[in-house]
Amino acid sequence: MEYNNQIMPFHESDVDWMELASIGISKDLLEMNGELETLMSGERTNPITLELTLLGVDVTMDATLQIIRKDNPIIEIIGIKPLSLN
């Protein structure tokens, strides 16, 4: 896949979008936030607000995403710690 004449290390077909959608991460969300290209390049996205369902629990959090390659490419969710109000 090429974006702006740059070869991407991951292809959109490498990602199991149905599995991600089941927890609340969609390809459309990433496109809408302008982060799909960043994700496919293997880089960490800018912070985005995610509304996830994890083990039946609804969670809203700010996080960055990054694809890492294990046996198969997986998306790593890196939560952002809120700033202290001290």
PDB file of N, CA and C in Angstrom:
ATOM      1  N   MET A   1       0.833  -1.166   0.000  1.00  0.00           N
ATOM      2  CA  MET A   1       0.000   0.000   0.000  1.00  0.00           C
ATOM      3  C   MET A   1       0.880   1.233   0.000  1.00  0.00           C
ATOM      4  N   GLU A   2       0.453   2.263  -0.721  1.00  0.00           N
ATOM      5  CA  GLU A   2       1.196   3.512  -0.779  1.00  0.00           C
ATOM      6  C   GLU A   2       0.295   4.660  -0.372  1.00  0.00           C
ATOM      7  N   TYR A   3       0.802   5.518   0.484  1.00  0.00           N
ATOM      8  CA  TYR A   3       0.175   6.788   0.805  1.00  0.00           C
ATOM      9  C   TYR A   3       1.229   7.842   0.532  1.00  0.00           C
ATOM     10  N   ASN A   4       0.883   8.853  -0.222  1.00  0.00           N
ATOM     11  CA  ASN A   4       1.817   9.947  -0.491  1.00  0.00           C
ATOM     12  C   ASN A   4       3.191   9.431  -0.937  1.00  0.00           C
ATOM     13  N   ASN A   5       3.208   8.450  -1.824  1.00  0.00           N
ATOM     14  CA  ASN A   5       4.439   7.857  -2.365  1.00  0.00           C
ATOM     15  C   ASN A   5       5.310   7.184  -1.304  1.00  0.00           C
ATOM     16  N   GLN A   6       4.726   6.826  -0.169  1.00  0.00           N
ATOM     17  CA  GLN A   6       5.467   6.151   0.900  1.00  0.00           C
ATOM     18  C   GLN A   6       4.923   4.725   1.029  1.00  0.00           C
ATOM     19  N   ILE A   7       5.815   3.740   1.015  1.00  0.00           N
ATOM     20  CA  ILE A   7       5.402   2.344   1.161  1.00  0.00           C
ATOM     21  C   ILE A   7       5.059   2.089   2.629  1.00  0.00           C
ATOM     22  N   MET A   8       3.903   1.513   2.883  1.00  0.00           N
ATOM     23  CA  MET A   8       3.462   1.230   4.241  1.00  0.00           C
ATOM     24  C   MET A   8       3.830  -0.199   4.626  1.00  0.00           C
ATOM     25  N   PRO A   9       4.334  -0.406   5.835  1.00  0.00           N
ATOM     26  CA  PRO A   9       4.705  -1.759   6.256  1.00  0.00           C
ATOM     27  C   PRO A   9       3.499  -2.662   6.514  1.00  0.00           C
ATOM     28  N   PHE A  10       2.324  -2.053   6.741  1.00  0.00           N
ATOM     29  CA  PHE A  10       1.111  -2.840   6.977  1.00  0.00           C
ATOM     30  C   PHE A  10       0.075  -2.471   5.936  1.00  0.00           C
ATOM     31  N   HIS A  11      -0.737  -3.445   5.591  1.00  0.00           N
ATOM     32  CA  HIS A  11      -1.826  -3.232   4.645  1.00  0.00           C
ATOM     33  C   HIS A  11      -3.123  -3.315   5.436  1.00  0.00           C
ATOM     34  N   GLU A  12      -4.128  -2.603   5.003  1.00  0.00           N
ATOM     35  CA  GLU A  12      -5.419  -2.623   5.701  1.00  0.00           C
ATOM     36  C   GLU A  12      -5.970  -4.035   5.843  1.00  0.00           C
ATOM     37  N   SER A  13      -5.642  -4.912   4.894  1.00  0.00           N
ATOM     38  CA  SER A  13      -6.137  -6.298   4.972  1.00  0.00           C
ATOM     39  C   SER A  13      -5.395  -7.109   6.038  1.00  0.00           C
ATOM     40  N   ASP A  14      -4.287  -6.576   6.582  1.00  0.00           N
ATOM     41  CA  ASP A  14      -3.570  -7.247   7.665  1.00  0.00           C
ATOM     42  C   ASP A  14      -4.331  -7.166   8.982  1.00  0.00           C
ATOM     43  N   VAL A  15      -5.250  -6.222   9.078  1.00  0.00           N
ATOM     44  CA  VAL A  15      -5.963  -5.940  10.323  1.00  0.00           C
ATOM     45  C   VAL A  15      -7.310  -6.645  10.314  1.00  0.00           C
ATOM     46  N   ASP A  16      -7.663  -7.272  11.427  1.00  0.00           N
ATOM     47  CA  ASP A  16      -8.978  -7.912  11.579  1.00  0.00           C
ATOM     48  C   ASP A  16      -9.970  -6.850  12.053  1.00  0.00           C
ATOM     49  N   TRP A  17     -10.534  -6.112  11.091  1.00  0.00           N
ATOM     50  CA  TRP A  17     -11.427  -5.004  11.402  1.00  0.00           C
ATOM     51  C   TRP A  17     -12.698  -5.456  12.089  1.00  0.00           C
ATOM     52  N   MET A  18     -13.178  -6.656  11.799  1.00  0.00           N
ATOM     53  CA  MET A  18     -14.395  -7.158  12.453  1.00  0.00           C
ATOM     54  C   MET A  18     -14.144  -7.374  13.944  1.00  0.00           C
ATOM     55  N   GLU A  19     -12.987  -7.931  14.275  1.00  0.00           N
ATOM     56  CA  GLU A  19     -12.654  -8.147  15.684  1.00  0.00           C
ATOM     57  C   GLU A  19     -12.505  -6.808  16.412  1.00  0.00           C
ATOM     58  N   LEU A  20     -11.833  -5.856  15.775  1.00  0.00           N
ATOM     59  CA  LEU A  20     -11.674  -4.541  16.391  1.00  0.00           C
ATOM     60  C   LEU A  20     -13.006  -3.828  16.560  1.00  0.00           C
ATOM     61  N   ALA A  21     -13.884  -3.946  15.565  1.00  0.00           N
ATOM     62  CA  ALA A  21     -15.204  -3.322  15.656  1.00  0.00           C
ATOM     63  C   ALA A  21     -16.000  -3.900  16.825  1.00  0.00           C
ATOM     64  N   SER A  22     -15.762  -5.162  17.149  1.00  0.00           N
ATOM     65  CA  SER A  22     -16.499  -5.787  18.252  1.00  0.00           C
ATOM     66  C   SER A  22     -16.142  -5.171  19.607  1.00  0.00           C
ATOM     67  N   ILE A  23     -14.971  -4.505  19.699  1.00  0.00           N
ATOM     68  CA  ILE A  23     -14.626  -3.824  20.951  1.00  0.00           C
ATOM     69  C   ILE A  23     -14.774  -2.308  20.840  1.00  0.00           C
ATOM     70  N   GLY A  24     -15.035  -1.807  19.628  1.00  0.00           N
ATOM     71  CA  GLY A  24     -15.304  -0.381  19.464  1.00  0.00           C
ATOM     72  C   GLY A  24     -14.295   0.411  18.663  1.00  0.00           C
ATOM     73  N   ILE A  25     -13.374  -0.257  17.981  1.00  0.00           N
ATOM     74  CA  ILE A  25     -12.397   0.440  17.132  1.00  0.00           C
ATOM     75  C   ILE A  25     -12.729   0.130  15.678  1.00  0.00           C
ATOM     76  N   SER A  26     -13.049   1.165  14.919  1.00  0.00           N
ATOM     77  CA  SER A  26     -13.411   0.934  13.525  1.00  0.00           C
ATOM     78  C   SER A  26     -12.450   1.646  12.584  1.00  0.00           C
ATOM     79  N   LYS A  27     -12.346   1.107  11.402  1.00  0.00           N
ATOM     80  CA  LYS A  27     -11.538   1.707  10.343  1.00  0.00           C
ATOM     81  C   LYS A  27     -12.075   3.105  10.028  1.00  0.00           C
ATOM     82  N   ASP A  28     -13.404   3.252  10.043  1.00  0.00           N
ATOM     83  CA  ASP A  28     -14.017   4.554   9.767  1.00  0.00           C
ATOM     84  C   ASP A  28     -13.602   5.592  10.800  1.00  0.00           C
ATOM     85  N   LEU A  29     -13.537   5.195  12.075  1.00  0.00           N
ATOM     86  CA  LEU A  29     -13.104   6.103  13.138  1.00  0.00           C
ATOM     87  C   LEU A  29     -11.689   6.602  12.870  1.00  0.00           C
ATOM     88  N   LEU A  30     -10.813   5.674  12.501  1.00  0.00           N
ATOM     89  CA  LEU A  30      -9.418   6.045  12.238  1.00  0.00           C
ATOM     90  C   LEU A  30      -9.299   6.941  11.006  1.00  0.00           C
ATOM     91  N   GLU A  31     -10.084   6.648   9.969  1.00  0.00           N
ATOM     92  CA  GLU A  31     -10.078   7.505   8.775  1.00  0.00           C
ATOM     93  C   GLU A  31     -10.606   8.897   9.119  1.00  0.00           C
ATOM     94  N   MET A  32     -11.681   8.933   9.911  1.00  0.00           N
ATOM     95  CA  MET A  32     -12.299  10.197  10.282  1.00  0.00           C
ATOM     96  C   MET A  32     -11.329  11.066  11.099  1.00  0.00           C
ATOM     97  N   ASN A  33     -10.529  10.426  11.946  1.00  0.00           N
ATOM     98  CA  ASN A  33      -9.560  11.148  12.763  1.00  0.00           C
ATOM     99  C   ASN A  33      -8.246  11.404  12.026  1.00  0.00           C
ATOM    100  N   GLY A  34      -8.132  10.926  10.790  1.00  0.00           N
ATOM    101  CA  GLY A  34      -6.913  11.126  10.008  1.00  0.00           C
ATOM    102  C   GLY A  34      -5.739  10.297  10.514  1.00  0.00           C
ATOM    103  N   GLU A  35      -6.024   9.173  11.178  1.00  0.00           N
ATOM    104  CA  GLU A  35      -4.973   8.359  11.795  1.00  0.00           C
ATOM    105  C   GLU A  35      -4.726   7.020  11.107  1.00  0.00           C
ATOM    106  N   LEU A  36      -5.523   6.687  10.093  1.00  0.00           N
ATOM    107  CA  LEU A  36      -5.352   5.392   9.435  1.00  0.00           C
ATOM    108  C   LEU A  36      -3.971   5.283   8.773  1.00  0.00           C
ATOM    109  N   GLU A  37      -3.551   6.326   8.091  1.00  0.00           N
ATOM    110  CA  GLU A  37      -2.244   6.315   7.429  1.00  0.00           C
ATOM    111  C   GLU A  37      -1.115   6.145   8.452  1.00  0.00           C
ATOM    112  N   THR A  38      -1.211   6.848   9.568  1.00  0.00           N
ATOM    113  CA  THR A  38      -0.204   6.737  10.630  1.00  0.00           C
ATOM    114  C   THR A  38      -0.147   5.310  11.156  1.00  0.00           C
ATOM    115  N   LEU A  39      -1.311   4.735  11.409  1.00  0.00           N
ATOM    116  CA  LEU A  39      -1.380   3.372  11.927  1.00  0.00           C
ATOM    117  C   LEU A  39      -0.775   2.375  10.939  1.00  0.00           C
ATOM    118  N   MET A  40      -1.123   2.491   9.665  1.00  0.00           N
ATOM    119  CA  MET A  40      -0.618   1.562   8.658  1.00  0.00           C
ATOM    120  C   MET A  40       0.891   1.728   8.430  1.00  0.00           C
ATOM    121  N   SER A  41       1.431   2.889   8.788  1.00  0.00           N
ATOM    122  CA  SER A  41       2.869   3.104   8.632  1.00  0.00           C
ATOM    123  C   SER A  41       3.665   2.470   9.767  1.00  0.00           C
ATOM    124  N   GLY A  42       2.961   1.940  10.770  1.00  0.00           N
ATOM    125  CA  GLY A  42       3.640   1.322  11.908  1.00  0.00           C
ATOM    126  C   GLY A  42       3.963   2.304  13.008  1.00  0.00           C
ATOM    127  N   GLU A  43       3.556   3.543  12.838  1.00  0.00           N
ATOM    128  CA  GLU A  43       3.809   4.563  13.846  1.00  0.00           C
ATOM    129  C   GLU A  43       2.651   4.625  14.832  1.00  0.00           C
ATOM    130  N   ARG A  44       2.900   5.263  15.958  1.00  0.00           N
ATOM    131  CA  ARG A  44       1.870   5.457  16.980  1.00  0.00           C
ATOM    132  C   ARG A  44       0.993   6.628  16.561  1.00  0.00           C
ATOM    133  N   THR A  45      -0.317   6.462  16.682  1.00  0.00           N
ATOM    134  CA  THR A  45      -1.252   7.525  16.320  1.00  0.00           C
ATOM    135  C   THR A  45      -1.198   8.649  17.346  1.00  0.00           C
ATOM    136  N   ASN A  46      -1.782   9.766  16.986  1.00  0.00           N
ATOM    137  CA  ASN A  46      -2.030  10.824  17.951  1.00  0.00           C
ATOM    138  C   ASN A  46      -3.118  10.335  18.900  1.00  0.00           C
ATOM    139  N   PRO A  47      -3.270  10.958  20.064  1.00  0.00           N
ATOM    140  CA  PRO A  47      -4.329  10.537  20.980  1.00  0.00           C
ATOM    141  C   PRO A  47      -5.712  10.673  20.347  1.00  0.00           C
ATOM    142  N   ILE A  48      -6.529   9.649  20.555  1.00  0.00           N
ATOM    143  CA  ILE A  48      -7.922   9.669  20.117  1.00  0.00           C
ATOM    144  C   ILE A  48      -8.782   9.144  21.263  1.00  0.00           C
ATOM    145  N   THR A  49     -10.033   9.574  21.296  1.00  0.00           N
ATOM    146  CA  THR A  49     -10.955   9.097  22.313  1.00  0.00           C
ATOM    147  C   THR A  49     -11.613   7.822  21.810  1.00  0.00           C
ATOM    148  N   LEU A  50     -11.510   6.763  22.604  1.00  0.00           N
ATOM    149  CA  LEU A  50     -12.087   5.472  22.249  1.00  0.00           C
ATOM    150  C   LEU A  50     -13.230   5.156  23.189  1.00  0.00           C
ATOM    151  N   GLU A  51     -14.296   4.610  22.645  1.00  0.00           N
ATOM    152  CA  GLU A  51     -15.414   4.096  23.435  1.00  0.00           C
ATOM    153  C   GLU A  51     -15.426   2.595  23.202  1.00  0.00           C
ATOM    154  N   LEU A  52     -14.842   1.849  24.153  1.00  0.00           N
ATOM    155  CA  LEU A  52     -14.617   0.422  23.996  1.00  0.00           C
ATOM    156  C   LEU A  52     -15.565  -0.390  24.863  1.00  0.00           C
ATOM    157  N   THR A  53     -15.788  -1.629  24.445  1.00  0.00           N
ATOM    158  CA  THR A  53     -16.472  -2.607  25.268  1.00  0.00           C
ATOM    159  C   THR A  53     -15.491  -3.747  25.469  1.00  0.00           C
ATOM    160  N   LEU A  54     -14.979  -3.849  26.699  1.00  0.00           N
ATOM    161  CA  LEU A  54     -13.970  -4.848  27.028  1.00  0.00           C
ATOM    162  C   LEU A  54     -14.536  -5.803  28.060  1.00  0.00           C
ATOM    163  N   LEU A  55     -14.672  -7.072  27.683  1.00  0.00           N
ATOM    164  CA  LEU A  55     -15.235  -8.098  28.563  1.00  0.00           C
ATOM    165  C   LEU A  55     -16.573  -7.667  29.148  1.00  0.00           C
ATOM    166  N   GLY A  56     -17.397  -7.027  28.315  1.00  0.00           N
ATOM    167  CA  GLY A  56     -18.729  -6.608  28.723  1.00  0.00           C
ATOM    168  C   GLY A  56     -18.776  -5.304  29.490  1.00  0.00           C
ATOM    169  N   VAL A  57     -17.644  -4.649  29.682  1.00  0.00           N
ATOM    170  CA  VAL A  57     -17.586  -3.383  30.413  1.00  0.00           C
ATOM    171  C   VAL A  57     -17.343  -2.258  29.416  1.00  0.00           C
ATOM    172  N   ASP A  58     -18.176  -1.217  29.474  1.00  0.00           N
ATOM    173  CA  ASP A  58     -17.997  -0.058  28.604  1.00  0.00           C
ATOM    174  C   ASP A  58     -16.939   0.858  29.198  1.00  0.00           C
ATOM    175  N   VAL A  59     -15.955   1.217  28.379  1.00  0.00           N
ATOM    176  CA  VAL A  59     -14.830   2.044  28.817  1.00  0.00           C
ATOM    177  C   VAL A  59     -14.636   3.163  27.810  1.00  0.00           C
ATOM    178  N   THR A  60     -14.551   4.396  28.308  1.00  0.00           N
ATOM    179  CA  THR A  60     -14.196   5.534  27.459  1.00  0.00           C
ATOM    180  C   THR A  60     -12.823   5.991  27.908  1.00  0.00           C
ATOM    181  N   MET A  61     -11.914   6.088  26.955  1.00  0.00           N
ATOM    182  CA  MET A  61     -10.545   6.461  27.304  1.00  0.00           C
ATOM    183  C   MET A  61      -9.870   7.153  26.138  1.00  0.00           C
ATOM    184  N   ASP A  62      -8.892   7.972  26.486  1.00  0.00           N
ATOM    185  CA  ASP A  62      -8.020   8.548  25.472  1.00  0.00           C
ATOM    186  C   ASP A  62      -6.820   7.624  25.350  1.00  0.00           C
ATOM    187  N   ALA A  63      -6.439   7.336  24.125  1.00  0.00           N
ATOM    188  CA  ALA A  63      -5.336   6.394  23.896  1.00  0.00           C
ATOM    189  C   ALA A  63      -4.695   6.665  22.545  1.00  0.00           C
ATOM    190  N   THR A  64      -3.518   6.098  22.387  1.00  0.00           N
ATOM    191  CA  THR A  64      -2.886   6.046  21.074  1.00  0.00           C
ATOM    192  C   THR A  64      -2.908   4.583  20.639  1.00  0.00           C
ATOM    193  N   LEU A  65      -2.816   4.360  19.347  1.00  0.00           N
ATOM    194  CA  LEU A  65      -2.823   3.007  18.795  1.00  0.00           C
ATOM    195  C   LEU A  65      -1.560   2.809  17.969  1.00  0.00           C
ATOM    196  N   GLN A  66      -1.091   1.570  17.937  1.00  0.00           N
ATOM    197  CA  GLN A  66       0.059   1.236  17.096  1.00  0.00           C
ATOM    198  C   GLN A  66      -0.041  -0.233  16.712  1.00  0.00           C
ATOM    199  N   ILE A  67       0.260  -0.539  15.467  1.00  0.00           N
ATOM    200  CA  ILE A  67       0.303  -1.940  15.044  1.00  0.00           C
ATOM    201  C   ILE A  67       1.672  -2.488  15.391  1.00  0.00           C
ATOM    202  N   ILE A  68       1.670  -3.631  16.045  1.00  0.00           N
ATOM    203  CA  ILE A  68       2.932  -4.324  16.312  1.00  0.00           C
ATOM    204  C   ILE A  68       2.839  -5.695  15.671  1.00  0.00           C
ATOM    205  N   ARG A  69       3.961  -6.211  15.261  1.00  0.00           N
ATOM    206  CA  ARG A  69       3.977  -7.498  14.569  1.00  0.00           C
ATOM    207  C   ARG A  69       4.435  -8.571  15.535  1.00  0.00           C
ATOM    208  N   LYS A  70       3.528  -9.485  15.828  1.00  0.00           N
ATOM    209  CA  LYS A  70       3.856 -10.701  16.586  1.00  0.00           C
ATOM    210  C   LYS A  70       3.790 -11.808  15.547  1.00  0.00           C
ATOM    211  N   ASP A  71       3.030 -12.883  15.799  1.00  0.00           N
ATOM    212  CA  ASP A  71       2.786 -13.870  14.748  1.00  0.00           C
ATOM    213  C   ASP A  71       1.951 -13.232  13.646  1.00  0.00           C
ATOM    214  N   ASN A  72       0.942 -12.480  14.071  1.00  0.00           N
ATOM    215  CA  ASN A  72       0.099 -11.699  13.172  1.00  0.00           C
ATOM    216  C   ASN A  72       0.124 -10.267  13.682  1.00  0.00           C
ATOM    217  N   PRO A  73      -0.079  -9.297  12.811  1.00  0.00           N
ATOM    218  CA  PRO A  73      -0.120  -7.917  13.288  1.00  0.00           C
ATOM    219  C   PRO A  73      -1.281  -7.720  14.262  1.00  0.00           C
ATOM    220  N   ILE A  74      -1.015  -7.052  15.379  1.00  0.00           N
ATOM    221  CA  ILE A  74      -2.070  -6.731  16.333  1.00  0.00           C
ATOM    222  C   ILE A  74      -1.989  -5.247  16.655  1.00  0.00           C
ATOM    223  N   ILE A  75      -3.099  -4.703  17.101  1.00  0.00           N
ATOM    224  CA  ILE A  75      -3.122  -3.294  17.460  1.00  0.00           C
ATOM    225  C   ILE A  75      -2.946  -3.173  18.961  1.00  0.00           C
ATOM    226  N   GLU A  76      -1.953  -2.400  19.330  1.00  0.00           N
ATOM    227  CA  GLU A  76      -1.664  -2.129  20.730  1.00  0.00           C
ATOM    228  C   GLU A  76      -2.382  -0.830  21.110  1.00  0.00           C
ATOM    229  N   ILE A  77      -3.113  -0.868  22.229  1.00  0.00           N
ATOM    230  CA  ILE A  77      -3.811   0.308  22.742  1.00  0.00           C
ATOM    231  C   ILE A  77      -2.990   0.835  23.908  1.00  0.00           C
ATOM    232  N   ILE A  78      -2.525   2.067  23.800  1.00  0.00           N
ATOM    233  CA  ILE A  78      -1.697   2.678  24.839  1.00  0.00           C
ATOM    234  C   ILE A  78      -2.514   3.775  25.495  1.00  0.00           C
ATOM    235  N   GLY A  79      -3.061   3.495  26.669  1.00  0.00           N
ATOM    236  CA  GLY A  79      -3.883   4.471  27.377  1.00  0.00           C
ATOM    237  C   GLY A  79      -3.075   5.677  27.811  1.00  0.00           C
ATOM    238  N   ILE A  80      -3.746   6.803  27.847  1.00  0.00           N
ATOM    239  CA  ILE A  80      -3.109   8.052  28.253  1.00  0.00           C
ATOM    240  C   ILE A  80      -3.591   8.386  29.661  1.00  0.00           C
ATOM    241  N   LYS A  81      -2.638   8.560  30.568  1.00  0.00           N
ATOM    242  CA  LYS A  81      -2.964   8.888  31.953  1.00  0.00           C
ATOM    243  C   LYS A  81      -3.460  10.331  32.012  1.00  0.00           C
ATOM    244  N   PRO A  82      -4.607  10.544  32.684  1.00  0.00           N
ATOM    245  CA  PRO A  82      -5.108  11.926  32.802  1.00  0.00           C
ATOM    246  C   PRO A  82      -4.132  12.793  33.598  1.00  0.00           C
ATOM    247  N   LEU A  83      -4.095  14.072  33.280  1.00  0.00           N
ATOM    248  CA  LEU A  83      -3.264  15.010  34.024  1.00  0.00           C
ATOM    249  C   LEU A  83      -3.823  15.185  35.421  1.00  0.00           C
ATOM    250  N   SER A  84      -2.952  15.296  36.381  1.00  0.00           N
ATOM    251  CA  SER A  84      -3.361  15.533  37.756  1.00  0.00           C
ATOM    252  C   SER A  84      -3.892  16.952  37.888  1.00  0.00           C
ATOM    253  N   LEU A  85      -4.865  17.146  38.748  1.00  0.00           N
ATOM    254  CA  LEU A  85      -5.438  18.469  38.948  1.00  0.00           C
ATOM    255  C   LEU A  85      -4.783  19.185  40.125  1.00  0.00           C
ATOM    256  N   ASN A  86      -3.614  18.741  40.562  1.00  0.00           N
ATOM    257  CA  ASN A  86      -2.924  19.372  41.703  1.00  0.00           C
ATOM    258  C   ASN A  86      -2.464  20.752  41.378  1.00  0.00           C
TER     259      ASN A  86
END
